[in-house]
Each structure stands twice: as C-alpha cells, then as structure tokens.
C-alpha cells in the first residue's frame, strides 16, 4: 500500500487517510518463529505465557515473509482455549474489524513563518527587558 505525498506538498490536497490492518492484508515478517513462549507482547494479555524476558530470545525464521489468514494458527505452545478466550485478536475477522484495526490520517497544517515568530519574540523580549530595567531604576 503506497500513497503519494506529493499532493500534500504541492497543496492540491490537505490530507490523506487510509486504513491499516484490513482483513486479509496481514503479513508475517518472518523475523522469529511464532511461539507463545517467546512472543514479546504476551505480557499484555493475561492467560498467555510470559513471553521474552530479554531481547532476541526467539528462534530466527530467516526473513520469510508470508501472508497470514489465521493470525495465530501456526504459533507453537498455543494455549488450549486460545480460540475462545482470545477470539477478538483475530484481526482477519471481517465481522469484528470491517474497516481494519486503525485509520491513519496525515494532514497538512500551515505553520507561521520563522521570521514572524522570531520578530514577535524579539519584541516581547525588549518589552520584558525594558520593564526590568525601569523597575531597577525605580529602586535606585
């Protein structure tokens, strides 16, 4: 999924939106063998094994990228009741996630010119400096 940002930079469009994690679009990057005993995010879900206790504890899978239809089907050490206890984690389920798991919107906003900002800060600084100097002269 590629999006051209040139329309944002040219001013033709002010935003680009797209969904990520649409059903059927999941890929396994193939960095480590899928194993619940060494999955890094397990601690987020009670009932799963503890996962890694340090970096790079899983066995290397040597970078074989594959499309995934059942996100956790090929995991080793899968808990017995995983399909019922964690049914909401099936991101390929069209009923649960018809619009994907997230929507990303990139919007262009105008930013004040730096010279304007610096000028306003300089005027404010002179005002503060003048006030402090006048206060010091009043006490002399």
Foldseek 3Di string as FASTA:
>chain_A
DDDDCVCCVVVVDFKDKAAPLAQQPDKDQQQFAAEQCADPPNVVDPPTHPHDPDPPPGHGRPGDMDGDNAVCPRYHPDDPCCCPVPVLPRSNDCVNCVRGDDMDMDGDDDDDDPVVVVVVVVVVVVVVVVVVVVVVVVVD
